[in-house]
Amino acid sequence: MQHATGAFVHHVIERGIATIEFFHPSSNSLPGTILSELAKTINDLGIDARVKVIVLKSHGDRAFCAGASFDELVAIENAEQGKTFFSGFANVINAMRKCHKLIIGRVQGKAVGGGVGLAAACDYVIAHKDASVKLSELAIGIGPFVVGPAVERKMGRSAFSQLAIDATEWRSAEWAKRHDLFNEVHESHAGVDEAVAALADRLAHSSPEAMWELKKIFWQGAEHWDTLLADRAVISGRLVLSDFTRNAIAKFKASTAKKTA
């Protein structure tokens, strides 16, 4: 579906490979509608017999994903609305976790907050050298509560803590690879696309049953995440109402407006 803003979630299925592509004009940020469509698409493709493997990508060759939509964050008026918004991230991560198909992430550019969570929830990530990462939530008075379990599972608690605490600093794609968020880093976007296509093709010719059994092993220990991530969404939904967060987002939007003026 394409929205009035031009934002969309599209997917195509070719030769057993389902490619999901999302876009938002604000650096591929994730408003609630996009999160909902991503979760539904992943759930649907996970049980589609035509699909052997899924590729998750965002549109363009710049930012992979800027995380939560600031416009929606500042529009939240109460804790229930906050829980609903952050549950959108929980639903996407849980859809990726429970999906019967392996998911390859194509990360062509910077990933912030929820974008790091998306990458972490992929089963294999192929990134561009400019795909720096940052968990910026603490800088605006929240915290990477919902995406945290996915990031910690992939990178370990030490690397997750470093990203979560040092919330204003970018970490390079090579740093992300050293800490197991990314599996491959390539010098060119063409190289990224070639590597994604080659791996997807190999997996499309592998046994679906064997890949699903393997994925279940990869995600052992995360069976309680339906409850865990819902609880984390409550924490984020409460904190986003603070004056600190309101002021921090306003300052960020004002500084961004000046840069683009």
Protein backbone atom coordinates (compact mmCIF):
# COMPACT_ATOMS: atom_id res chain seq x y z
CA MET A 1 0.00 0.00 0.00
CA GLN A 2 1.23 3.51 -0.85
CA HIS A 3 0.37 6.38 1.50
CA ALA A 4 -0.28 10.05 0.79
CA THR A 5 3.26 10.84 1.97
CA GLY A 6 4.65 8.44 -0.62
CA ALA A 7 5.55 5.94 2.10
CA PHE A 8 5.00 2.28 1.25
CA VAL A 9 5.62 -1.36 1.99
CA HIS A 10 5.87 -3.44 -1.18
CA HIS A 11 6.81 -7.03 -1.78
CA VAL A 12 7.50 -9.24 -4.80
CA ILE A 13 8.04 -13.00 -5.07
CA GLU A 14 10.40 -14.32 -7.72
CA ARG A 15 11.90 -17.82 -7.93
CA GLY A 16 11.17 -18.54 -4.30
CA ILE A 17 12.64 -15.24 -3.04
CA ALA A 18 10.28 -12.73 -1.43
CA THR A 19 11.69 -9.21 -1.33
CA ILE A 20 10.07 -6.78 1.10
CA GLU A 21 10.85 -3.11 0.50
CA PHE A 22 9.74 -0.22 2.73
CA PHE A 23 10.04 3.52 2.27
CA HIS A 24 9.32 6.73 4.12
CA PRO A 25 10.41 10.19 2.91
CA SER A 26 11.93 10.95 6.33
CA SER A 27 15.01 8.75 5.91
CA ASN A 28 12.92 5.57 5.90
CA SER A 29 11.60 6.22 9.40
CA LEU A 30 8.89 3.97 10.81
CA PRO A 31 5.44 5.39 11.63
CA GLY A 32 2.81 3.05 13.01
CA THR A 33 1.22 2.32 9.64
CA ILE A 34 4.51 1.15 8.14
CA LEU A 35 5.26 -0.99 11.20
CA SER A 36 1.83 -2.60 10.96
CA GLU A 37 2.23 -3.34 7.26
CA LEU A 38 5.72 -4.76 7.78
CA ALA A 39 4.51 -7.12 10.50
CA LYS A 40 1.55 -8.30 8.39
CA THR A 41 3.69 -8.79 5.28
CA ILE A 42 6.30 -10.81 7.17
CA ASN A 43 3.60 -12.93 8.82
CA ASP A 44 1.88 -13.58 5.48
CA LEU A 45 5.06 -14.45 3.59
CA GLY A 46 6.23 -16.67 6.42
CA ILE A 47 3.38 -19.11 5.66
CA ASP A 48 3.36 -18.66 1.87
CA ALA A 49 4.40 -21.95 0.25
CA ARG A 50 5.83 -20.08 -2.75
CA VAL A 51 8.43 -18.39 -0.54
CA LYS A 52 11.68 -20.08 0.46
CA VAL A 53 13.61 -17.05 1.76
CA ILE A 54 12.87 -13.38 2.49
CA VAL A 55 14.99 -10.30 1.74
CA LEU A 56 14.21 -7.21 3.81
CA LYS A 57 15.35 -3.89 2.38
CA SER A 58 14.50 -0.21 2.40
CA HIS A 59 14.18 2.04 -0.62
CA GLY A 60 17.07 4.05 -2.01
CA ASP A 61 20.81 4.04 -1.48
CA ARG A 62 21.05 6.35 1.54
CA ALA A 63 19.62 5.72 5.03
CA PHE A 64 18.47 2.20 5.78
CA CYS A 65 16.14 3.28 8.57
CA ALA A 66 15.90 6.32 10.85
CA GLY A 67 13.86 4.45 13.46
CA ALA A 68 10.73 5.79 15.14
CA SER A 69 8.81 8.63 13.49
CA PHE A 70 9.38 11.77 15.56
CA ASP A 71 6.10 13.22 14.27
CA GLU A 72 4.23 10.31 15.79
CA LEU A 73 6.25 10.38 19.00
CA VAL A 74 5.34 14.00 19.73
CA ALA A 75 1.67 13.28 18.90
CA ILE A 76 1.38 10.64 21.65
CA GLU A 77 -0.94 11.99 24.37
CA ASN A 78 -1.14 9.21 26.93
CA ALA A 79 0.54 6.00 28.05
CA GLU A 80 -1.89 3.76 26.17
CA GLN A 81 -1.14 5.51 22.87
CA GLY A 82 2.56 5.23 23.69
CA LYS A 83 2.25 1.50 24.34
CA THR A 84 0.36 1.07 21.06
CA PHE A 85 3.02 2.90 19.06
CA PHE A 86 5.98 1.02 20.53
CA SER A 87 4.08 -2.26 20.23
CA GLY A 88 4.43 -1.72 16.48
CA PHE A 89 8.18 -2.37 16.81
CA ALA A 90 7.48 -5.36 19.05
CA ASN A 91 5.10 -6.82 16.48
CA VAL A 92 7.65 -6.52 13.66
CA ILE A 93 10.48 -8.08 15.68
CA ASN A 94 8.24 -10.93 16.84
CA ALA A 95 7.02 -11.48 13.28
CA MET A 96 10.64 -11.78 12.14
CA ARG A 97 11.47 -14.07 15.05
CA LYS A 98 8.56 -16.44 14.38
CA CYS A 99 8.72 -16.28 10.57
CA HIS A 100 9.24 -19.76 9.09
CA LYS A 101 11.65 -18.36 6.52
CA LEU A 102 15.21 -17.10 6.95
CA ILE A 103 15.38 -13.32 6.53
CA ILE A 104 18.32 -11.62 4.82
CA GLY A 105 18.73 -7.95 5.67
CA ARG A 106 20.08 -5.55 3.04
CA VAL A 107 21.43 -2.54 4.95
CA GLN A 108 22.61 0.05 2.44
CA GLY A 109 23.05 3.02 4.78
CA LYS A 110 22.77 4.37 8.30
CA ALA A 111 20.51 2.67 10.83
CA VAL A 112 19.22 4.42 13.94
CA GLY A 113 17.21 3.08 16.89
CA GLY A 114 14.46 0.88 15.52
CA GLY A 115 16.46 0.49 12.32
CA VAL A 116 19.21 -1.21 14.31
CA GLY A 117 16.50 -3.41 15.81
CA LEU A 118 15.30 -4.42 12.34
CA ALA A 119 18.83 -5.35 11.32
CA ALA A 120 19.34 -7.31 14.52
CA ALA A 121 16.16 -9.31 13.96
CA CYS A 122 17.31 -10.44 10.51
CA ASP A 123 18.96 -13.84 10.33
CA TYR A 124 21.81 -12.67 8.10
CA VAL A 125 22.77 -9.07 7.29
CA ILE A 126 24.71 -7.80 4.27
CA ALA A 127 25.67 -4.15 4.62
CA HIS A 128 27.38 -1.29 2.82
CA LYS A 129 30.53 0.26 4.25
CA ASP A 130 28.61 3.47 5.02
CA ALA A 131 26.00 1.66 7.12
CA SER A 132 26.87 3.23 10.46
CA VAL A 133 24.66 2.44 13.44
CA LYS A 134 23.41 4.31 16.50
CA LEU A 135 20.94 3.62 19.30
CA SER A 136 19.88 7.21 19.95
CA GLU A 137 16.95 6.60 22.30
CA LEU A 138 18.63 7.58 25.58
CA ALA A 139 19.54 10.97 24.09
CA ILE A 140 15.83 11.79 23.84
CA GLY A 141 14.91 10.39 27.24
CA ILE A 142 13.63 6.96 26.26
CA GLY A 143 15.88 3.93 25.77
CA PRO A 144 16.12 1.02 23.31
CA PHE A 145 13.75 -1.08 25.39
CA VAL A 146 11.73 -2.82 22.68
CA VAL A 147 14.55 -3.42 20.20
CA GLY A 148 17.07 -4.13 22.96
CA PRO A 149 16.47 -7.89 23.23
CA ALA A 150 17.04 -8.33 19.49
CA VAL A 151 20.21 -6.22 19.54
CA GLU A 152 21.54 -7.93 22.67
CA ARG A 153 20.82 -11.37 21.23
CA LYS A 154 22.83 -10.57 18.11
CA MET A 155 25.70 -8.51 19.53
CA GLY A 156 25.96 -9.54 23.17
CA ARG A 157 25.27 -7.45 26.24
CA SER A 158 28.55 -5.55 26.21
CA ALA A 159 28.19 -4.20 22.66
CA PHE A 160 24.49 -3.50 23.20
CA SER A 161 25.31 -1.57 26.38
CA GLN A 162 27.93 0.47 24.53
CA LEU A 163 25.44 1.47 21.86
CA ALA A 164 22.66 2.16 24.36
CA ILE A 165 24.77 4.29 26.72
CA ASP A 166 26.81 6.26 24.16
CA ALA A 167 23.62 7.29 22.40
CA THR A 168 24.89 10.19 20.31
CA GLU A 169 27.87 8.52 18.63
CA TRP A 170 27.84 6.59 15.38
CA ARG A 171 29.57 3.21 15.14
CA SER A 172 30.92 2.19 11.76
CA ALA A 173 29.74 -0.70 9.64
CA GLU A 174 33.04 -2.45 10.33
CA TRP A 175 32.44 -2.02 14.07
CA ALA A 176 28.97 -3.53 13.60
CA LYS A 177 30.51 -6.46 11.73
CA ARG A 178 33.14 -7.03 14.41
CA HIS A 179 30.34 -7.17 16.97
CA ASP A 180 28.18 -9.53 14.88
CA LEU A 181 25.34 -7.19 13.96
CA PHE A 182 26.42 -7.40 10.30
CA ASN A 183 27.66 -10.59 8.67
CA GLU A 184 29.19 -8.99 5.58
CA VAL A 185 30.25 -5.45 4.66
CA HIS A 186 30.83 -4.46 1.02
CA GLU A 187 32.51 -1.46 -0.57
CA SER A 188 29.78 -0.70 -3.12
CA HIS A 189 26.01 -0.87 -3.31
CA ALA A 190 26.41 -3.11 -6.34
CA GLY A 191 28.51 -5.44 -4.22
CA VAL A 192 25.82 -5.50 -1.53
CA ASP A 193 23.13 -6.33 -4.09
CA GLU A 194 25.23 -9.06 -5.69
CA ALA A 195 25.92 -10.67 -2.33
CA VAL A 196 22.26 -10.50 -1.31
CA ALA A 197 21.13 -12.00 -4.61
CA ALA A 198 23.70 -14.80 -4.47
CA LEU A 199 22.84 -15.83 -0.90
CA ALA A 200 19.09 -15.58 -1.51
CA ASP A 201 19.41 -17.77 -4.59
CA ARG A 202 21.39 -20.41 -2.69
CA LEU A 203 18.83 -20.45 0.12
CA ALA A 204 15.94 -20.60 -2.36
CA HIS A 205 17.40 -23.93 -3.49
CA SER A 206 17.82 -25.25 0.06
CA SER A 207 15.38 -27.36 2.04
CA PRO A 208 12.58 -25.22 3.53
CA GLU A 209 12.13 -27.70 6.37
CA ALA A 210 15.83 -27.72 7.22
CA MET A 211 16.01 -23.92 7.18
CA TRP A 212 12.99 -23.61 9.50
CA GLU A 213 14.43 -26.15 11.93
CA LEU A 214 17.73 -24.27 11.85
CA LYS A 215 16.01 -20.94 12.46
CA LYS A 216 14.20 -22.35 15.49
CA ILE A 217 17.61 -23.25 16.93
CA PHE A 218 18.96 -19.76 16.21
CA TRP A 219 16.09 -18.20 18.15
CA GLN A 220 16.01 -20.58 21.12
CA GLY A 221 15.54 -18.67 24.35
CA ALA A 222 13.36 -15.98 22.78
CA GLU A 223 10.06 -17.83 23.12
CA HIS A 224 8.85 -15.40 25.80
CA TRP A 225 9.34 -12.29 23.67
CA ASP A 226 5.63 -11.78 22.98
CA THR A 227 5.29 -10.86 26.65
CA LEU A 228 8.74 -9.33 27.10
CA LEU A 229 8.48 -6.87 24.22
CA ALA A 230 4.93 -5.91 25.18
CA ASP A 231 6.21 -5.07 28.66
CA ARG A 232 9.06 -3.06 27.15
CA ALA A 233 6.57 -1.13 24.99
CA VAL A 234 4.81 -0.04 28.18
CA ILE A 235 8.08 1.41 29.52
CA SER A 236 8.79 3.34 26.32
CA GLY A 237 5.17 4.47 26.09
CA ARG A 238 5.39 6.00 29.56
CA LEU A 239 8.79 7.66 29.10
CA VAL A 240 7.88 9.27 25.78
CA LEU A 241 5.39 11.48 27.65
CA SER A 242 8.12 13.14 29.74
CA ASP A 243 9.01 16.82 29.35
CA PHE A 244 12.60 15.74 28.73
CA THR A 245 11.59 13.73 25.67
CA ARG A 246 9.23 16.42 24.35
CA ASN A 247 11.96 19.07 24.62
CA ALA A 248 14.67 16.82 23.16
CA ILE A 249 12.59 15.97 20.10
CA ALA A 250 11.63 19.63 19.60
CA LYS A 251 15.31 20.64 19.70
CA PHE A 252 16.24 17.90 17.25
CA LYS A 253 13.50 18.86 14.81
CA ALA A 254 14.44 22.53 15.06
CA SER A 255 18.11 21.81 14.34
CA THR A 256 17.16 19.59 11.40
CA ALA A 257 14.91 22.33 9.99
CA LYS A 258 17.79 24.85 10.17
CA LYS A 259 20.12 22.49 8.31
CA THR A 260 17.61 21.99 5.50
CA ALA A 261 16.52 25.64 5.26
